[in-house]
N, C-alpha and C. Protein backbone atom coordinates (compact mmCIF):
# COMPACT_ATOMS: atom_id res chain seq x y z
N MET A 1 0.84 -1.18 0.00
CA MET A 1 0.00 0.00 0.00
C MET A 1 0.88 1.24 0.00
N LYS A 2 0.36 2.28 -0.51
CA LYS A 2 1.07 3.55 -0.56
C LYS A 2 0.70 4.40 0.66
N PRO A 3 1.60 5.27 1.09
CA PRO A 3 1.30 6.13 2.24
C PRO A 3 0.02 6.95 2.05
N GLU A 4 -0.21 7.41 0.83
CA GLU A 4 -1.39 8.23 0.57
C GLU A 4 -2.69 7.47 0.84
N GLN A 5 -2.68 6.17 0.57
CA GLN A 5 -3.88 5.35 0.82
C GLN A 5 -4.18 5.29 2.32
N ALA A 6 -3.15 5.08 3.12
CA ALA A 6 -3.33 4.99 4.57
C ALA A 6 -3.76 6.34 5.13
N ILE A 7 -3.15 7.40 4.65
CA ILE A 7 -3.50 8.75 5.12
C ILE A 7 -4.95 9.05 4.78
N GLU A 8 -5.35 8.74 3.57
CA GLU A 8 -6.74 8.98 3.16
C GLU A 8 -7.70 8.17 4.02
N HIS A 9 -7.35 6.92 4.30
CA HIS A 9 -8.24 6.07 5.10
C HIS A 9 -8.44 6.65 6.50
N PHE A 10 -7.37 7.10 7.12
CA PHE A 10 -7.45 7.61 8.49
C PHE A 10 -7.79 9.09 8.57
N GLY A 11 -7.73 9.78 7.45
CA GLY A 11 -8.17 11.18 7.42
C GLY A 11 -7.07 12.21 7.52
N SER A 12 -5.92 11.83 8.05
CA SER A 12 -4.80 12.77 8.15
C SER A 12 -3.53 12.02 8.53
N LYS A 13 -2.40 12.67 8.30
CA LYS A 13 -1.13 12.09 8.71
C LYS A 13 -1.08 11.94 10.23
N ALA A 14 -1.60 12.95 10.93
CA ALA A 14 -1.58 12.92 12.39
C ALA A 14 -2.41 11.76 12.94
N GLN A 15 -3.56 11.50 12.35
CA GLN A 15 -4.42 10.41 12.82
C GLN A 15 -3.77 9.06 12.52
N LEU A 16 -3.12 8.93 11.37
CA LEU A 16 -2.41 7.70 11.04
C LEU A 16 -1.31 7.45 12.07
N ALA A 17 -0.55 8.47 12.37
CA ALA A 17 0.52 8.34 13.37
C ALA A 17 -0.04 7.93 14.72
N LEU A 18 -1.14 8.54 15.11
CA LEU A 18 -1.76 8.24 16.40
C LEU A 18 -2.21 6.78 16.47
N VAL A 19 -2.88 6.31 15.44
CA VAL A 19 -3.39 4.93 15.42
C VAL A 19 -2.24 3.93 15.50
N LEU A 20 -1.13 4.24 14.84
CA LEU A 20 -0.01 3.31 14.79
C LEU A 20 0.97 3.47 15.95
N GLY A 21 0.80 4.53 16.72
CA GLY A 21 1.77 4.80 17.78
C GLY A 21 3.11 5.21 17.21
N ALA A 22 3.06 5.88 16.07
CA ALA A 22 4.26 6.35 15.38
C ALA A 22 4.36 7.87 15.51
N SER A 23 5.52 8.39 15.21
CA SER A 23 5.68 9.84 15.24
C SER A 23 5.25 10.44 13.90
N LEU A 24 4.86 11.68 13.92
CA LEU A 24 4.47 12.36 12.69
C LEU A 24 5.65 12.45 11.71
N PRO A 25 6.88 12.71 12.19
CA PRO A 25 8.00 12.70 11.24
C PRO A 25 8.19 11.35 10.54
N THR A 26 7.84 10.26 11.21
CA THR A 26 7.91 8.94 10.57
C THR A 26 6.96 8.87 9.39
N ILE A 27 5.74 9.38 9.58
CA ILE A 27 4.76 9.37 8.49
C ILE A 27 5.26 10.23 7.33
N TYR A 28 5.83 11.38 7.64
CA TYR A 28 6.38 12.24 6.58
C TYR A 28 7.51 11.53 5.83
N ASP A 29 8.32 10.74 6.56
CA ASP A 29 9.38 9.98 5.90
C ASP A 29 8.80 8.97 4.92
N TRP A 30 7.71 8.32 5.31
CA TRP A 30 7.07 7.35 4.41
C TRP A 30 6.55 8.03 3.15
N VAL A 31 5.95 9.20 3.33
CA VAL A 31 5.43 9.95 2.18
C VAL A 31 6.58 10.32 1.25
N LYS A 32 7.67 10.80 1.84
CA LYS A 32 8.83 11.19 1.04
C LYS A 32 9.41 9.98 0.29
N ALA A 33 9.47 8.83 0.95
CA ALA A 33 10.01 7.62 0.33
C ALA A 33 9.01 6.98 -0.65
N GLY A 34 7.73 7.29 -0.47
CA GLY A 34 6.70 6.72 -1.34
C GLY A 34 6.32 5.30 -0.97
N GLU A 35 6.73 4.86 0.24
CA GLU A 35 6.39 3.51 0.67
C GLU A 35 6.32 3.41 2.19
N ILE A 36 5.59 2.41 2.64
CA ILE A 36 5.44 2.11 4.06
C ILE A 36 6.20 0.82 4.33
N PRO A 37 6.99 0.78 5.41
CA PRO A 37 7.69 -0.47 5.72
C PRO A 37 6.71 -1.64 5.86
N GLU A 38 7.20 -2.81 5.46
CA GLU A 38 6.35 -4.00 5.41
C GLU A 38 5.66 -4.29 6.74
N ALA A 39 6.39 -4.24 7.83
CA ALA A 39 5.79 -4.54 9.14
C ALA A 39 4.68 -3.54 9.48
N ARG A 40 4.87 -2.30 9.12
CA ARG A 40 3.83 -1.29 9.37
C ARG A 40 2.63 -1.52 8.47
N GLN A 41 2.85 -2.02 7.25
CA GLN A 41 1.72 -2.33 6.37
C GLN A 41 0.82 -3.37 7.01
N TYR A 42 1.43 -4.38 7.62
CA TYR A 42 0.62 -5.41 8.29
C TYR A 42 -0.15 -4.81 9.47
N GLN A 43 0.49 -3.90 10.19
CA GLN A 43 -0.17 -3.22 11.30
C GLN A 43 -1.37 -2.42 10.79
N ILE A 44 -1.21 -1.75 9.68
CA ILE A 44 -2.29 -0.97 9.09
C ILE A 44 -3.40 -1.90 8.61
N GLU A 45 -3.03 -3.03 8.02
CA GLU A 45 -4.03 -3.98 7.57
C GLU A 45 -4.90 -4.43 8.74
N LEU A 46 -4.28 -4.73 9.87
CA LEU A 46 -5.04 -5.13 11.06
C LEU A 46 -5.89 -3.98 11.59
N ALA A 47 -5.30 -2.78 11.62
CA ALA A 47 -6.01 -1.61 12.16
C ALA A 47 -7.22 -1.23 11.31
N THR A 48 -7.18 -1.56 10.03
CA THR A 48 -8.30 -1.21 9.14
C THR A 48 -9.25 -2.38 8.94
N GLY A 49 -9.02 -3.46 9.66
CA GLY A 49 -9.88 -4.63 9.50
C GLY A 49 -9.82 -5.21 8.10
N GLY A 50 -8.68 -5.01 7.44
CA GLY A 50 -8.50 -5.55 6.10
C GLY A 50 -8.94 -4.63 4.98
N ALA A 51 -9.41 -3.44 5.31
CA ALA A 51 -9.80 -2.49 4.26
C ALA A 51 -8.60 -2.10 3.41
N LEU A 52 -7.44 -1.98 4.03
CA LEU A 52 -6.19 -1.78 3.31
C LEU A 52 -5.37 -3.04 3.48
N LYS A 53 -4.73 -3.49 2.43
CA LYS A 53 -3.97 -4.73 2.45
C LYS A 53 -2.48 -4.45 2.27
N ALA A 54 -1.67 -5.21 3.00
CA ALA A 54 -0.22 -5.14 2.82
C ALA A 54 0.12 -5.61 1.41
N ASP A 55 1.21 -5.06 0.85
CA ASP A 55 1.62 -5.42 -0.50
C ASP A 55 1.95 -6.91 -0.62
N LYS A 56 2.62 -7.44 0.37
CA LYS A 56 2.96 -8.87 0.38
C LYS A 56 2.04 -9.55 1.37
N PRO A 57 1.28 -10.53 0.93
CA PRO A 57 0.37 -11.19 1.86
C PRO A 57 1.14 -11.94 2.94
N ALA A 58 0.70 -11.80 4.18
CA ALA A 58 1.32 -12.51 5.29
C ALA A 58 0.97 -13.99 5.19
N LEU A 59 1.82 -14.82 5.75
CA LEU A 59 1.53 -16.24 5.80
C LEU A 59 0.38 -16.43 6.76
N ARG A 60 -0.73 -16.86 6.25
CA ARG A 60 -1.93 -17.03 7.08
C ARG A 60 -2.26 -18.52 7.13
N VAL A 61 -1.94 -19.13 8.24
CA VAL A 61 -2.19 -20.55 8.43
C VAL A 61 -3.44 -20.70 9.28
N PRO A 62 -4.44 -21.44 8.81
CA PRO A 62 -5.63 -21.66 9.64
C PRO A 62 -5.24 -22.26 11.00
N LEU A 63 -5.96 -21.88 12.03
CA LEU A 63 -5.63 -22.33 13.39
C LEU A 63 -5.55 -23.85 13.49
N GLN A 64 -6.39 -24.57 12.78
CA GLN A 64 -6.38 -26.03 12.85
C GLN A 64 -5.06 -26.60 12.37
N GLU A 65 -4.50 -26.00 11.33
CA GLU A 65 -3.25 -26.50 10.78
C GLU A 65 -2.05 -26.08 11.62
N ALA A 66 -2.18 -24.97 12.35
CA ALA A 66 -1.06 -24.47 13.14
C ALA A 66 -0.83 -25.33 14.38
N ALA A 67 -1.83 -26.05 14.83
CA ALA A 67 -1.70 -26.85 16.06
C ALA A 67 -0.93 -28.13 15.85
């Protein structure tokens, strides 16, 4: 996902930072780089209930198989 997608979803850079427990300068760094680190993408995917998806799908093993 691109930083602009996450910002649009949460309404502002400040709100995105707040939800993620990140600093505002971190969000500005992502915008400047044009990308969100992979681990943060997964955090955003969880925070949005899947409305935004990480670029690389996480390994999702059904609970039955994980046991």
